[in-house]
Amino acid sequence: MNGPVNGATDTAMSVAGPGATGLTALDVAAFAAELAVYAAAAWWAWRRPGRRGARLAAAVGAVAVLAVLWGRFAAPTADRPLHGVARVAFEVCWFGVGAAAALRAYRRGVR
């Protein structure tokens, strides 16, 4: 029997067929953590004093800079992927920046 099973399409079979790795819970958690860093940077930039247009530009700029760094060094399809200690150092700095940005934005809102 070489056709689709139980009415499944060929596309569905190729995505979830034999040998497909799929996403793990760790992949989803890592992606959510990456998005949290972007959100924290944008929130921090938006909470800074100044005019609305300048704050919006700072928020977009902060996210853009972080996206370029992640895409260049840490993404699965990175141009210059880091390995070993360099990768660990990059991710410690990456998530440290996210935590610091969230803390600064939160403290600015509490005052």
PDB file of N, CA and C in Angstrom:
ATOM      1  N   MET A   1       0.853  -1.180   0.000  1.00  0.00           N
ATOM      2  CA  MET A   1       0.000   0.000   0.000  1.00  0.00           C
ATOM      3  C   MET A   1       0.894   1.237   0.000  1.00  0.00           C
ATOM      4  N   ASN A   2       0.898   1.998  -1.096  1.00  0.00           N
ATOM      5  CA  ASN A   2       1.789   3.133  -1.226  1.00  0.00           C
ATOM      6  C   ASN A   2       1.096   4.479  -1.141  1.00  0.00           C
ATOM      7  N   GLY A   3      -0.199   4.547  -1.013  1.00  0.00           N
ATOM      8  CA  GLY A   3      -0.928   5.815  -0.995  1.00  0.00           C
ATOM      9  C   GLY A   3      -1.028   6.385   0.412  1.00  0.00           C
ATOM     10  N   PRO A   4      -1.712   7.542   0.528  1.00  0.00           N
ATOM     11  CA  PRO A   4      -1.914   8.147   1.839  1.00  0.00           C
ATOM     12  C   PRO A   4      -2.728   7.220   2.742  1.00  0.00           C
ATOM     13  N   VAL A   5      -2.452   7.279   4.027  1.00  0.00           N
ATOM     14  CA  VAL A   5      -3.123   6.445   5.006  1.00  0.00           C
ATOM     15  C   VAL A   5      -4.286   7.205   5.616  1.00  0.00           C
ATOM     16  N   ASN A   6      -5.443   6.580   5.698  1.00  0.00           N
ATOM     17  CA  ASN A   6      -6.629   7.162   6.332  1.00  0.00           C
ATOM     18  C   ASN A   6      -6.992   8.529   5.770  1.00  0.00           C
ATOM     19  N   GLY A   7      -6.816   8.733   4.492  1.00  0.00           N
ATOM     20  CA  GLY A   7      -7.219   9.980   3.857  1.00  0.00           C
ATOM     21  C   GLY A   7      -6.230  11.124   4.041  1.00  0.00           C
ATOM     22  N   ALA A   8      -5.069  10.871   4.614  1.00  0.00           N
ATOM     23  CA  ALA A   8      -4.078  11.933   4.802  1.00  0.00           C
ATOM     24  C   ALA A   8      -3.530  12.357   3.450  1.00  0.00           C
ATOM     25  N   THR A   9      -3.176  13.602   3.333  1.00  0.00           N
ATOM     26  CA  THR A   9      -2.626  14.095   2.070  1.00  0.00           C
ATOM     27  C   THR A   9      -1.139  13.811   2.006  1.00  0.00           C
ATOM     28  N   ASP A  10      -0.590  13.891   0.821  1.00  0.00           N
ATOM     29  CA  ASP A  10       0.842  13.665   0.658  1.00  0.00           C
ATOM     30  C   ASP A  10       1.647  14.717   1.405  1.00  0.00           C
ATOM     31  N   THR A  11       1.159  15.955   1.444  1.00  0.00           N
ATOM     32  CA  THR A  11       1.863  17.026   2.142  1.00  0.00           C
ATOM     33  C   THR A  11       1.947  16.728   3.626  1.00  0.00           C
ATOM     34  N   ALA A  12       0.846  16.314   4.212  1.00  0.00           N
ATOM     35  CA  ALA A  12       0.851  15.997   5.636  1.00  0.00           C
ATOM     36  C   ALA A  12       1.803  14.836   5.924  1.00  0.00           C
ATOM     37  N   MET A  13       1.857  13.886   5.035  1.00  0.00           N
ATOM     38  CA  MET A  13       2.744  12.749   5.236  1.00  0.00           C
ATOM     39  C   MET A  13       4.203  13.169   5.149  1.00  0.00           C
ATOM     40  N   SER A  14       4.529  14.097   4.256  1.00  0.00           N
ATOM     41  CA  SER A  14       5.921  14.495   4.116  1.00  0.00           C
ATOM     42  C   SER A  14       6.393  15.320   5.307  1.00  0.00           C
ATOM     43  N   VAL A  15       5.502  16.059   5.935  1.00  0.00           N
ATOM     44  CA  VAL A  15       5.893  16.871   7.078  1.00  0.00           C
ATOM     45  C   VAL A  15       6.065  16.001   8.317  1.00  0.00           C
ATOM     46  N   ALA A  16       5.163  15.050   8.534  1.00  0.00           N
ATOM     47  CA  ALA A  16       5.205  14.249   9.745  1.00  0.00           C
ATOM     48  C   ALA A  16       5.533  12.795   9.468  1.00  0.00           C
ATOM     49  N   GLY A  17       6.093  12.519   8.321  1.00  0.00           N
ATOM     50  CA  GLY A  17       6.371  11.144   7.943  1.00  0.00           C
ATOM     51  C   GLY A  17       7.595  10.576   8.627  1.00  0.00           C
ATOM     52  N   PRO A  18       7.964   9.385   8.251  1.00  0.00           N
ATOM     53  CA  PRO A  18       9.128   8.736   8.848  1.00  0.00           C
ATOM     54  C   PRO A  18      10.383   9.572   8.673  1.00  0.00           C
ATOM     55  N   GLY A  19      11.151   9.686   9.732  1.00  0.00           N
ATOM     56  CA  GLY A  19      12.392  10.441   9.680  1.00  0.00           C
ATOM     57  C   GLY A  19      12.246  11.919   9.980  1.00  0.00           C
ATOM     58  N   ALA A  20      11.012  12.437  10.070  1.00  0.00           N
ATOM     59  CA  ALA A  20      10.811  13.845  10.385  1.00  0.00           C
ATOM     60  C   ALA A  20      11.108  14.067  11.864  1.00  0.00           C
ATOM     61  N   THR A  21      11.851  15.106  12.157  1.00  0.00           N
ATOM     62  CA  THR A  21      12.232  15.353  13.543  1.00  0.00           C
ATOM     63  C   THR A  21      11.157  16.100  14.308  1.00  0.00           C
ATOM     64  N   GLY A  22      10.504  17.063  13.689  1.00  0.00           N
ATOM     65  CA  GLY A  22       9.471  17.834  14.374  1.00  0.00           C
ATOM     66  C   GLY A  22      10.061  18.751  15.423  1.00  0.00           C
ATOM     67  N   LEU A  23       9.183  19.415  16.139  1.00  0.00           N
ATOM     68  CA  LEU A  23       9.602  20.317  17.204  1.00  0.00           C
ATOM     69  C   LEU A  23       9.469  19.629  18.547  1.00  0.00           C
ATOM     70  N   THR A  24      10.400  19.919  19.412  1.00  0.00           N
ATOM     71  CA  THR A  24      10.316  19.412  20.770  1.00  0.00           C
ATOM     72  C   THR A  24       9.835  20.529  21.683  1.00  0.00           C
ATOM     73  N   ALA A  25       9.483  20.169  22.886  1.00  0.00           N
ATOM     74  CA  ALA A  25       9.068  21.171  23.866  1.00  0.00           C
ATOM     75  C   ALA A  25      10.211  22.145  24.155  1.00  0.00           C
ATOM     76  N   LEU A  26      11.440  21.657  24.117  1.00  0.00           N
ATOM     77  CA  LEU A  26      12.595  22.518  24.340  1.00  0.00           C
ATOM     78  C   LEU A  26      12.753  23.541  23.219  1.00  0.00           C
ATOM     79  N   ASP A  27      12.489  23.143  21.982  1.00  0.00           N
ATOM     80  CA  ASP A  27      12.541  24.079  20.852  1.00  0.00           C
ATOM     81  C   ASP A  27      11.522  25.197  21.037  1.00  0.00           C
ATOM     82  N   VAL A  28      10.331  24.833  21.440  1.00  0.00           N
ATOM     83  CA  VAL A  28       9.264  25.819  21.635  1.00  0.00           C
ATOM     84  C   VAL A  28       9.614  26.756  22.788  1.00  0.00           C
ATOM     85  N   ALA A  29      10.149  26.208  23.873  1.00  0.00           N
ATOM     86  CA  ALA A  29      10.537  27.039  25.023  1.00  0.00           C
ATOM     87  C   ALA A  29      11.679  27.989  24.661  1.00  0.00           C
ATOM     88  N   ALA A  30      12.645  27.505  23.892  1.00  0.00           N
ATOM     89  CA  ALA A  30      13.761  28.358  23.473  1.00  0.00           C
ATOM     90  C   ALA A  30      13.275  29.490  22.577  1.00  0.00           C
ATOM     91  N   PHE A  31      12.340  29.184  21.690  1.00  0.00           N
ATOM     92  CA  PHE A  31      11.793  30.230  20.816  1.00  0.00           C
ATOM     93  C   PHE A  31      11.003  31.250  21.629  1.00  0.00           C
ATOM     94  N   ALA A  32      10.233  30.789  22.596  1.00  0.00           N
ATOM     95  CA  ALA A  32       9.478  31.710  23.461  1.00  0.00           C
ATOM     96  C   ALA A  32      10.429  32.600  24.256  1.00  0.00           C
ATOM     97  N   ALA A  33      11.532  32.046  24.733  1.00  0.00           N
ATOM     98  CA  ALA A  33      12.515  32.848  25.469  1.00  0.00           C
ATOM     99  C   ALA A  33      13.159  33.887  24.553  1.00  0.00           C
ATOM    100  N   GLU A  34      13.429  33.506  23.319  1.00  0.00           N
ATOM    101  CA  GLU A  34      13.988  34.467  22.351  1.00  0.00           C
ATOM    102  C   GLU A  34      13.009  35.611  22.107  1.00  0.00           C
ATOM    103  N   LEU A  35      11.744  35.282  21.920  1.00  0.00           N
ATOM    104  CA  LEU A  35      10.731  36.326  21.723  1.00  0.00           C
ATOM    105  C   LEU A  35      10.588  37.207  22.950  1.00  0.00           C
ATOM    106  N   ALA A  36      10.765  36.633  24.129  1.00  0.00           N
ATOM    107  CA  ALA A  36      10.686  37.421  25.368  1.00  0.00           C
ATOM    108  C   ALA A  36      11.798  38.466  25.424  1.00  0.00           C
ATOM    109  N   VAL A  37      12.973  38.130  24.913  1.00  0.00           N
ATOM    110  CA  VAL A  37      14.074  39.106  24.875  1.00  0.00           C
ATOM    111  C   VAL A  37      13.709  40.262  23.951  1.00  0.00           C
ATOM    112  N   TYR A  38      13.146  39.953  22.786  1.00  0.00           N
ATOM    113  CA  TYR A  38      12.716  41.014  21.872  1.00  0.00           C
ATOM    114  C   TYR A  38      11.657  41.895  22.532  1.00  0.00           C
ATOM    115  N   ALA A  39      10.694  41.279  23.195  1.00  0.00           N
ATOM    116  CA  ALA A  39       9.625  42.029  23.853  1.00  0.00           C
ATOM    117  C   ALA A  39      10.177  42.913  24.967  1.00  0.00           C
ATOM    118  N   ALA A  40      11.108  42.380  25.744  1.00  0.00           N
ATOM    119  CA  ALA A  40      11.700  43.161  26.835  1.00  0.00           C
ATOM    120  C   ALA A  40      12.473  44.367  26.292  1.00  0.00           C
ATOM    121  N   ALA A  41      13.210  44.169  25.210  1.00  0.00           N
ATOM    122  CA  ALA A  41      13.969  45.279  24.618  1.00  0.00           C
ATOM    123  C   ALA A  41      13.030  46.353  24.074  1.00  0.00           C
ATOM    124  N   ALA A  42      11.966  45.926  23.419  1.00  0.00           N
ATOM    125  CA  ALA A  42      10.996  46.899  22.894  1.00  0.00           C
ATOM    126  C   ALA A  42      10.292  47.623  24.032  1.00  0.00           C
ATOM    127  N   TRP A  43       9.933  46.900  25.079  1.00  0.00           N
ATOM    128  CA  TRP A  43       9.262  47.513  26.234  1.00  0.00           C
ATOM    129  C   TRP A  43      10.178  48.532  26.901  1.00  0.00           C
ATOM    130  N   TRP A  44      11.462  48.153  27.075  1.00  0.00           N
ATOM    131  CA  TRP A  44      12.425  49.075  27.675  1.00  0.00           C
ATOM    132  C   TRP A  44      12.548  50.356  26.831  1.00  0.00           C
ATOM    133  N   ALA A  45      12.693  50.213  25.533  1.00  0.00           N
ATOM    134  CA  ALA A  45      12.848  51.380  24.664  1.00  0.00           C
ATOM    135  C   ALA A  45      11.591  52.239  24.669  1.00  0.00           C
ATOM    136  N   TRP A  46      10.431  51.615  24.728  1.00  0.00           N
ATOM    137  CA  TRP A  46       9.177  52.362  24.727  1.00  0.00           C
ATOM    138  C   TRP A  46       8.986  53.127  26.028  1.00  0.00           C
ATOM    139  N   ARG A  47       9.475  52.598  27.141  1.00  0.00           N
ATOM    140  CA  ARG A  47       9.295  53.233  28.447  1.00  0.00           C
ATOM    141  C   ARG A  47      10.276  54.370  28.699  1.00  0.00           C
ATOM    142  N   ARG A  48      11.227  54.576  27.839  1.00  0.00           N
ATOM    143  CA  ARG A  48      12.197  55.659  28.026  1.00  0.00           C
ATOM    144  C   ARG A  48      11.503  57.005  27.825  1.00  0.00           C
ATOM    145  N   PRO A  49      12.019  58.042  28.471  1.00  0.00           N
ATOM    146  CA  PRO A  49      11.404  59.356  28.287  1.00  0.00           C
ATOM    147  C   PRO A  49      11.647  59.879  26.869  1.00  0.00           C
ATOM    148  N   GLY A  50      10.730  60.702  26.423  1.00  0.00           N
ATOM    149  CA  GLY A  50      10.876  61.288  25.101  1.00  0.00           C
ATOM    150  C   GLY A  50       9.568  61.284  24.348  1.00  0.00           C
ATOM    151  N   ARG A  51       9.632  61.792  23.138  1.00  0.00           N
ATOM    152  CA  ARG A  51       8.434  61.848  22.304  1.00  0.00           C
ATOM    153  C   ARG A  51       8.085  60.468  21.773  1.00  0.00           C
ATOM    154  N   ARG A  52       6.825  60.307  21.432  1.00  0.00           N
ATOM    155  CA  ARG A  52       6.321  59.012  21.004  1.00  0.00           C
ATOM    156  C   ARG A  52       7.063  58.484  19.771  1.00  0.00           C
ATOM    157  N   GLY A  53       7.322  59.328  18.803  1.00  0.00           N
ATOM    158  CA  GLY A  53       8.019  58.896  17.593  1.00  0.00           C
ATOM    159  C   GLY A  53       9.432  58.422  17.879  1.00  0.00           C
ATOM    160  N   ALA A  54      10.127  59.110  18.770  1.00  0.00           N
ATOM    161  CA  ALA A  54      11.491  58.712  19.129  1.00  0.00           C
ATOM    162  C   ALA A  54      11.476  57.391  19.893  1.00  0.00           C
ATOM    163  N   ARG A  55      10.497  57.218  20.765  1.00  0.00           N
ATOM    164  CA  ARG A  55      10.403  55.966  21.519  1.00  0.00           C
ATOM    165  C   ARG A  55      10.076  54.798  20.595  1.00  0.00           C
ATOM    166  N   LEU A  56       9.201  55.037  19.628  1.00  0.00           N
ATOM    167  CA  LEU A  56       8.861  53.990  18.664  1.00  0.00           C
ATOM    168  C   LEU A  56      10.085  53.615  17.829  1.00  0.00           C
ATOM    169  N   ALA A  57      10.825  54.616  17.389  1.00  0.00           N
ATOM    170  CA  ALA A  57      12.041  54.352  16.609  1.00  0.00           C
ATOM    171  C   ALA A  57      13.061  53.589  17.447  1.00  0.00           C
ATOM    172  N   ALA A  58      13.189  53.942  18.725  1.00  0.00           N
ATOM    173  CA  ALA A  58      14.121  53.227  19.602  1.00  0.00           C
ATOM    174  C   ALA A  58      13.682  51.784  19.809  1.00  0.00           C
ATOM    175  N   ALA A  59      12.388  51.550  19.954  1.00  0.00           N
ATOM    176  CA  ALA A  59      11.880  50.192  20.143  1.00  0.00           C
ATOM    177  C   ALA A  59      12.127  49.345  18.894  1.00  0.00           C
ATOM    178  N   VAL A  60      11.828  49.895  17.744  1.00  0.00           N
ATOM    179  CA  VAL A  60      12.054  49.162  16.486  1.00  0.00           C
ATOM    180  C   VAL A  60      13.547  48.931  16.277  1.00  0.00           C
ATOM    181  N   GLY A  61      14.347  49.934  16.573  1.00  0.00           N
ATOM    182  CA  GLY A  61      15.796  49.800  16.429  1.00  0.00           C
ATOM    183  C   GLY A  61      16.393  48.760  17.358  1.00  0.00           C
ATOM    184  N   ALA A  62      15.933  48.732  18.604  1.00  0.00           N
ATOM    185  CA  ALA A  62      16.443  47.746  19.567  1.00  0.00           C
ATOM    186  C   ALA A  62      16.124  46.330  19.106  1.00  0.00           C
ATOM    187  N   VAL A  63      14.900  46.122  18.657  1.00  0.00           N
ATOM    188  CA  VAL A  63      14.506  44.795  18.176  1.00  0.00           C
ATOM    189  C   VAL A  63      15.298  44.440  16.913  1.00  0.00           C
ATOM    190  N   ALA A  64      15.495  45.395  16.030  1.00  0.00           N
ATOM    191  CA  ALA A  64      16.234  45.135  14.790  1.00  0.00           C
ATOM    192  C   ALA A  64      17.689  44.751  15.073  1.00  0.00           C
ATOM    193  N   VAL A  65      18.327  45.464  15.997  1.00  0.00           N
ATOM    194  CA  VAL A  65      19.718  45.146  16.335  1.00  0.00           C
ATOM    195  C   VAL A  65      19.807  43.743  16.936  1.00  0.00           C
ATOM    196  N   LEU A  66      18.897  43.431  17.837  1.00  0.00           N
ATOM    197  CA  LEU A  66      18.901  42.101  18.444  1.00  0.00           C
ATOM    198  C   LEU A  66      18.621  41.013  17.405  1.00  0.00           C
ATOM    199  N   ALA A  67      17.712  41.284  16.486  1.00  0.00           N
ATOM    200  CA  ALA A  67      17.387  40.301  15.451  1.00  0.00           C
ATOM    201  C   ALA A  67      18.587  40.034  14.548  1.00  0.00           C
ATOM    202  N   VAL A  68      19.320  41.075  14.204  1.00  0.00           N
ATOM    203  CA  VAL A  68      20.510  40.901  13.365  1.00  0.00           C
ATOM    204  C   VAL A  68      21.562  40.082  14.106  1.00  0.00           C
ATOM    205  N   LEU A  69      21.783  40.386  15.393  1.00  0.00           N
ATOM    206  CA  LEU A  69      22.761  39.626  16.164  1.00  0.00           C
ATOM    207  C   LEU A  69      22.369  38.157  16.281  1.00  0.00           C
ATOM    208  N   TRP A  70      21.092  37.902  16.581  1.00  0.00           N
ATOM    209  CA  TRP A  70      20.649  36.515  16.711  1.00  0.00           C
ATOM    210  C   TRP A  70      20.756  35.779  15.368  1.00  0.00           C
ATOM    211  N   GLY A  71      20.324  36.435  14.306  1.00  0.00           N
ATOM    212  CA  GLY A  71      20.373  35.812  12.990  1.00  0.00           C
ATOM    213  C   GLY A  71      21.782  35.564  12.511  1.00  0.00           C
ATOM    214  N   ARG A  72      22.685  36.393  12.924  1.00  0.00           N
ATOM    215  CA  ARG A  72      24.071  36.261  12.472  1.00  0.00           C
ATOM    216  C   ARG A  72      24.844  35.190  13.234  1.00  0.00           C
ATOM    217  N   PHE A  73      24.562  35.082  14.552  1.00  0.00           N
ATOM    218  CA  PHE A  73      25.397  34.224  15.379  1.00  0.00           C
ATOM    219  C   PHE A  73      24.698  33.043  16.060  1.00  0.00           C
ATOM    220  N   ALA A  74      23.380  33.084  16.250  1.00  0.00           N
ATOM    221  CA  ALA A  74      22.753  32.063  17.076  1.00  0.00           C
ATOM    222  C   ALA A  74      21.602  31.304  16.409  1.00  0.00           C
ATOM    223  N   ALA A  75      21.072  31.798  15.337  1.00  0.00           N
ATOM    224  CA  ALA A  75      19.950  31.123  14.678  1.00  0.00           C
ATOM    225  C   ALA A  75      20.414  29.796  14.072  1.00  0.00           C
ATOM    226  N   PRO A  76      19.488  28.858  13.892  1.00  0.00           N
ATOM    227  CA  PRO A  76      19.872  27.594  13.261  1.00  0.00           C
ATOM    228  C   PRO A  76      20.471  27.769  11.876  1.00  0.00           C
ATOM    229  N   THR A  77      20.105  28.827  11.178  1.00  0.00           N
ATOM    230  CA  THR A  77      20.637  29.090   9.844  1.00  0.00           C
ATOM    231  C   THR A  77      21.577  30.297   9.856  1.00  0.00           C
ATOM    232  N   ALA A  78      22.318  30.464  10.944  1.00  0.00           N
ATOM    233  CA  ALA A  78      23.188  31.630  11.120  1.00  0.00           C
ATOM    234  C   ALA A  78      24.306  31.663  10.079  1.00  0.00           C
ATOM    235  N   ASP A  79      24.691  32.890   9.704  1.00  0.00           N
ATOM    236  CA  ASP A  79      25.805  33.084   8.773  1.00  0.00           C
ATOM    237  C   ASP A  79      27.118  32.601   9.383  1.00  0.00           C
ATOM    238  N   ARG A  80      27.328  32.973  10.637  1.00  0.00           N
ATOM    239  CA  ARG A  80      28.553  32.627  11.354  1.00  0.00           C
ATOM    240  C   ARG A  80      28.175  32.025  12.706  1.00  0.00           C
ATOM    241  N   PRO A  81      27.712  30.792  12.705  1.00  0.00           N
ATOM    242  CA  PRO A  81      27.231  30.216  13.962  1.00  0.00           C
ATOM    243  C   PRO A  81      28.351  30.058  14.985  1.00  0.00           C
ATOM    244  N   LEU A  82      28.019  30.382  16.214  1.00  0.00           N
ATOM    245  CA  LEU A  82      28.968  30.222  17.310  1.00  0.00           C
ATOM    246  C   LEU A  82      28.836  28.815  17.881  1.00  0.00           C
ATOM    247  N   HIS A  83      29.938  28.317  18.414  1.00  0.00           N
ATOM    248  CA  HIS A  83      29.948  26.981  18.989  1.00  0.00           C
ATOM    249  C   HIS A  83      30.683  27.018  20.321  1.00  0.00           C
ATOM    250  N   GLY A  84      30.375  26.066  21.174  1.00  0.00           N
ATOM    251  CA  GLY A  84      31.106  25.897  22.424  1.00  0.00           C
ATOM    252  C   GLY A  84      30.956  27.065  23.373  1.00  0.00           C
ATOM    253  N   VAL A  85      32.091  27.478  23.928  1.00  0.00           N
ATOM    254  CA  VAL A  85      32.113  28.538  24.930  1.00  0.00           C
ATOM    255  C   VAL A  85      31.615  29.863  24.354  1.00  0.00           C
ATOM    256  N   ALA A  86      31.928  30.144  23.117  1.00  0.00           N
ATOM    257  CA  ALA A  86      31.472  31.387  22.491  1.00  0.00           C
ATOM    258  C   ALA A  86      29.953  31.422  22.415  1.00  0.00           C
ATOM    259  N   ARG A  87      29.340  30.286  22.096  1.00  0.00           N
ATOM    260  CA  ARG A  87      27.870  30.213  22.026  1.00  0.00           C
ATOM    261  C   ARG A  87      27.257  30.427  23.406  1.00  0.00           C
ATOM    262  N   VAL A  88      27.836  29.795  24.407  1.00  0.00           N
ATOM    263  CA  VAL A  88      27.334  29.947  25.776  1.00  0.00           C
ATOM    264  C   VAL A  88      27.464  31.402  26.219  1.00  0.00           C
ATOM    265  N   ALA A  89      28.607  32.018  25.952  1.00  0.00           N
ATOM    266  CA  ALA A  89      28.805  33.422  26.328  1.00  0.00           C
ATOM    267  C   ALA A  89      27.804  34.326  25.613  1.00  0.00           C
ATOM    268  N   PHE A  90      27.571  34.058  24.328  1.00  0.00           N
ATOM    269  CA  PHE A  90      26.611  34.861  23.577  1.00  0.00           C
ATOM    270  C   PHE A  90      25.217  34.741  24.182  1.00  0.00           C
ATOM    271  N   GLU A  91      24.800  33.517  24.497  1.00  0.00           N
ATOM    272  CA  GLU A  91      23.456  33.334  25.032  1.00  0.00           C
ATOM    273  C   GLU A  91      23.314  33.895  26.441  1.00  0.00           C
ATOM    274  N   VAL A  92      24.368  33.810  27.252  1.00  0.00           N
ATOM    275  CA  VAL A  92      24.318  34.430  28.581  1.00  0.00           C
ATOM    276  C   VAL A  92      24.138  35.938  28.438  1.00  0.00           C
ATOM    277  N   CYS A  93      24.893  36.544  27.540  1.00  0.00           N
ATOM    278  CA  CYS A  93      24.747  37.987  27.294  1.00  0.00           C
ATOM    279  C   CYS A  93      23.375  38.301  26.711  1.00  0.00           C
ATOM    280  N   TRP A  94      22.917  37.487  25.772  1.00  0.00           N
ATOM    281  CA  TRP A  94      21.626  37.695  25.112  1.00  0.00           C
ATOM    282  C   TRP A  94      20.488  37.736  26.128  1.00  0.00           C
ATOM    283  N   PHE A  95      20.404  36.684  26.935  1.00  0.00           N
ATOM    284  CA  PHE A  95      19.318  36.614  27.903  1.00  0.00           C
ATOM    285  C   PHE A  95      19.549  37.573  29.070  1.00  0.00           C
ATOM    286  N   GLY A  96      20.792  37.903  29.365  1.00  0.00           N
ATOM    287  CA  GLY A  96      21.086  38.926  30.368  1.00  0.00           C
ATOM    288  C   GLY A  96      20.594  40.298  29.933  1.00  0.00           C
ATOM    289  N   VAL A  97      20.785  40.612  28.661  1.00  0.00           N
ATOM    290  CA  VAL A  97      20.270  41.873  28.117  1.00  0.00           C
ATOM    291  C   VAL A  97      18.748  41.905  28.207  1.00  0.00           C
ATOM    292  N   GLY A  98      18.113  40.799  27.891  1.00  0.00           N
ATOM    293  CA  GLY A  98      16.657  40.732  27.990  1.00  0.00           C
ATOM    294  C   GLY A  98      16.171  40.935  29.411  1.00  0.00           C
ATOM    295  N   ALA A  99      16.833  40.280  30.370  1.00  0.00           N
ATOM    296  CA  ALA A  99      16.446  40.421  31.777  1.00  0.00           C
ATOM    297  C   ALA A  99      16.691  41.840  32.270  1.00  0.00           C
ATOM    298  N   ALA A 100      17.830  42.418  31.907  1.00  0.00           N
ATOM    299  CA  ALA A 100      18.130  43.786  32.324  1.00  0.00           C
ATOM    300  C   ALA A 100      17.142  44.784  31.723  1.00  0.00           C
ATOM    301  N   ALA A 101      16.792  44.594  30.470  1.00  0.00           N
ATOM    302  CA  ALA A 101      15.829  45.493  29.818  1.00  0.00           C
ATOM    303  C   ALA A 101      14.465  45.397  30.486  1.00  0.00           C
ATOM    304  N   ALA A 102      14.030  44.180  30.791  1.00  0.00           N
ATOM    305  CA  ALA A 102      12.730  44.012  31.455  1.00  0.00           C
ATOM    306  C   ALA A 102      12.749  44.648  32.836  1.00  0.00           C
ATOM    307  N   LEU A 103      13.833  44.455  33.571  1.00  0.00           N
ATOM    308  CA  LEU A 103      13.941  45.040  34.911  1.00  0.00           C
ATOM    309  C   LEU A 103      13.942  46.561  34.854  1.00  0.00           C
ATOM    310  N   ARG A 104      14.704  47.129  33.930  1.00  0.00           N
ATOM    311  CA  ARG A 104      14.752  48.596  33.801  1.00  0.00           C
ATOM    312  C   ARG A 104      13.398  49.161  33.389  1.00  0.00           C
ATOM    313  N   ALA A 105      12.733  48.513  32.467  1.00  0.00           N
ATOM    314  CA  ALA A 105      11.409  48.981  32.031  1.00  0.00           C
ATOM    315  C   ALA A 105      10.412  48.883  33.173  1.00  0.00           C
ATOM    316  N   TYR A 106      10.476  47.802  33.933  1.00  0.00           N
ATOM    317  CA  TYR A 106       9.566  47.637  35.060  1.00  0.00           C
ATOM    318  C   TYR A 106       9.817  48.694  36.134  1.00  0.00           C
ATOM    319  N   ARG A 107      11.071  48.918  36.455  1.00  0.00           N
ATOM    320  CA  ARG A 107      11.404  49.924  37.486  1.00  0.00           C
ATOM    321  C   ARG A 107      10.996  51.327  37.056  1.00  0.00           C
ATOM    322  N   ARG A 108      11.109  51.623  35.775  1.00  0.00           N
ATOM    323  CA  ARG A 108      10.715  52.948  35.295  1.00  0.00           C
ATOM    324  C   ARG A 108       9.209  53.123  35.461  1.00  0.00           C
ATOM    325  N   GLY A 109       8.440  52.056  35.273  1.00  0.00           N
ATOM    326  CA  GLY A 109       6.992  52.133  35.408  1.00  0.00           C
ATOM    327  C   GLY A 109       6.519  52.194  36.835  1.00  0.00           C
ATOM    328  N   VAL A 110       7.307  51.688  37.772  1.00  0.00           N
ATOM    329  CA  VAL A 110       6.916  51.664  39.176  1.00  0.00           C
ATOM    330  C   VAL A 110       7.031  53.031  39.803  1.00  0.00           C
ATOM    331  N   ARG A 111       7.974  53.820  39.398  1.00  0.00           N
ATOM    332  CA  ARG A 111       8.197  55.159  40.002  1.00  0.00           C
ATOM    333  C   ARG A 111       7.026  56.056  39.870  1.00  0.00           C
TER     334      ARG A 111
END
